[in-house]
Protein backbone atom coordinates (compact mmCIF):
# COMPACT_ATOMS: atom_id res chain seq x y z
CA MET A 1 -0.21 0.31 0.07
CA GLY A 2 1.44 3.63 -0.93
CA LEU A 3 0.62 6.29 0.41
CA SER A 4 -2.37 8.17 0.10
CA PHE A 5 -3.73 11.07 -2.68
CA ALA A 6 -4.33 13.44 0.43
CA ALA A 7 -0.79 13.00 2.11
CA VAL A 8 0.85 13.24 -1.27
CA GLN A 9 -1.35 16.42 -1.47
CA ARG A 10 -0.08 17.62 1.72
CA LEU A 11 3.59 16.99 0.66
CA PHE A 12 3.04 18.97 -2.58
CA LEU A 13 0.95 22.33 -0.59
CA GLY A 14 4.78 21.74 1.45
CA SER A 15 6.29 22.38 -1.48
CA PHE A 16 4.60 25.19 -2.41
CA LEU A 17 5.12 26.78 1.15
CA ALA A 18 8.45 25.71 1.32
CA ALA A 19 9.29 27.47 -1.83
CA VAL A 20 7.09 30.36 -1.00
CA LEU A 21 8.96 31.02 2.31
CA THR A 22 12.47 30.63 0.51
CA TRP A 23 11.14 33.41 -1.50
CA PHE A 24 10.06 35.74 1.20
CA LEU A 25 13.22 35.01 3.08
CA GLN A 26 15.91 34.87 0.41
CA ASP A 27 14.20 37.55 -1.65
CA SER A 28 15.14 35.76 -5.02
CA PHE A 29 12.29 33.89 -6.90
CA MET A 30 14.76 32.07 -8.69
CA ASP A 31 16.02 30.33 -5.50
CA ALA A 32 12.50 30.00 -4.75
CA THR A 33 11.75 28.60 -8.14
CA TRP A 34 14.42 25.92 -7.60
CA THR A 35 13.05 24.82 -4.10
CA PHE A 36 9.60 24.14 -5.35
CA LEU A 37 11.23 22.23 -8.17
CA GLY A 38 13.57 20.09 -6.28
CA LEU A 39 11.28 19.62 -3.65
CA SER A 40 7.93 18.63 -5.83
CA ALA A 41 10.78 15.92 -8.23
CA LEU A 42 11.81 14.63 -4.23
CA THR A 43 7.87 14.14 -3.48
CA GLY A 44 7.31 12.57 -7.15
CA ILE A 45 9.84 9.96 -6.11
CA VAL A 46 8.71 9.16 -3.15
CA TRP A 47 5.24 8.95 -4.19
CA GLY A 48 6.30 6.74 -7.37
CA LEU A 49 8.52 4.57 -4.90
CA SER A 50 5.68 3.81 -2.50
CA GLU A 51 3.78 2.54 -5.67
CA LYS A 52 6.70 0.81 -7.11
CA ASP A 53 4.74 -2.26 -8.90
CA ILE A 54 2.40 0.12 -10.38
CA ALA A 55 5.22 2.74 -11.19
CA PHE A 56 7.52 0.64 -12.50
CA ASP A 57 5.05 -1.38 -15.03
CA ALA A 58 4.45 1.83 -16.16
CA LEU A 59 7.76 3.06 -16.93
CA GLY A 60 8.60 -0.35 -17.73
CA LEU A 61 11.89 -0.65 -15.67
CA ASN A 62 12.22 -4.02 -15.24
CA SER A 63 15.73 -5.78 -16.84
CA GLN A 64 14.55 -5.85 -20.29
CA GLY A 65 13.36 -1.94 -19.80
CA ILE A 66 16.67 -1.25 -18.36
CA LEU A 67 18.46 -2.93 -21.02
CA VAL A 68 16.55 -1.27 -24.00
CA ALA A 69 16.92 2.21 -22.00
CA PHE A 70 20.91 1.74 -21.59
CA SER A 71 21.11 0.58 -25.27
CA PHE A 72 19.70 4.24 -26.67
CA LEU A 73 21.89 5.46 -25.09
CA VAL A 74 24.95 3.98 -25.93
CA SER A 75 24.10 4.27 -29.49
CA ILE A 76 23.26 7.88 -29.40
CA ALA A 77 26.35 7.73 -27.92
CA ILE A 78 28.39 5.79 -30.33
CA PHE A 79 26.97 7.96 -33.43
CA ALA A 80 27.49 11.31 -32.02
CA GLU A 81 31.13 10.40 -31.72
CA ILE A 82 31.35 9.46 -35.07
CA CYS A 83 29.65 12.36 -36.12
CA ILE A 84 32.10 14.72 -34.10
CA GLY A 85 35.36 12.09 -35.14
CA VAL A 86 34.12 12.28 -38.57
CA PHE A 87 32.59 15.22 -39.91
CA SER A 88 33.86 17.53 -37.13
CA TRP A 89 30.64 18.44 -36.10
CA PRO A 90 30.32 20.44 -32.69
CA THR A 91 29.44 17.88 -29.62
CA THR A 92 25.93 19.67 -28.90
CA GLY A 93 25.16 19.62 -32.55
CA SER A 94 26.08 16.42 -32.54
CA TYR A 95 24.13 14.60 -29.59
CA VAL A 96 21.16 16.67 -30.47
CA THR A 97 21.22 15.05 -34.05
CA SER A 98 22.25 11.58 -32.80
CA LEU A 99 19.19 11.76 -30.20
CA PHE A 100 16.19 12.85 -33.27
CA PHE A 101 18.18 10.45 -36.00
CA VAL A 102 18.48 7.45 -33.69
CA GLY A 103 15.24 8.39 -31.66
CA SER A 104 13.41 8.01 -34.99
CA PHE A 105 14.75 4.45 -35.84
CA TRP A 106 13.88 3.25 -32.00
CA TRP A 107 10.92 4.88 -32.42
CA THR A 108 10.13 3.51 -35.73
CA GLY A 109 11.08 -0.01 -34.62
CA ALA A 110 8.84 0.27 -31.47
CA LEU A 111 5.66 1.04 -33.63
CA ILE A 112 6.22 -2.16 -36.40
CA GLN A 113 6.44 -4.51 -33.48
CA PRO A 114 3.60 -6.51 -33.23
CA LYS A 115 3.46 -6.45 -29.11
CA ASN A 116 3.37 -2.54 -29.04
CA ASN A 117 0.43 -2.34 -31.65
């Protein structure tokens, strides 16, 4: 049994109040924004871990899903490094191009798989 939705709402309300307090005490809206983002992300992680089975199934975080994600990242890095070494492209542009180029192949492959249709 995970956290109740009321408890999660209270955690998000606490994140908001901490951000407002940070804004008031430090007079910095950006610090308040970072505080709110960090605490909200932490709340989301705690909520996801409290509902581990549902969250991991929805995200595909099983042994096969982690291997696929790792393979995707490795193929992006390899293609980007080839573009940097062979074509002398800038690093940022190579990784962005690689993300879209390799990502389109992975997405197409996922769409034509019978188990995903």
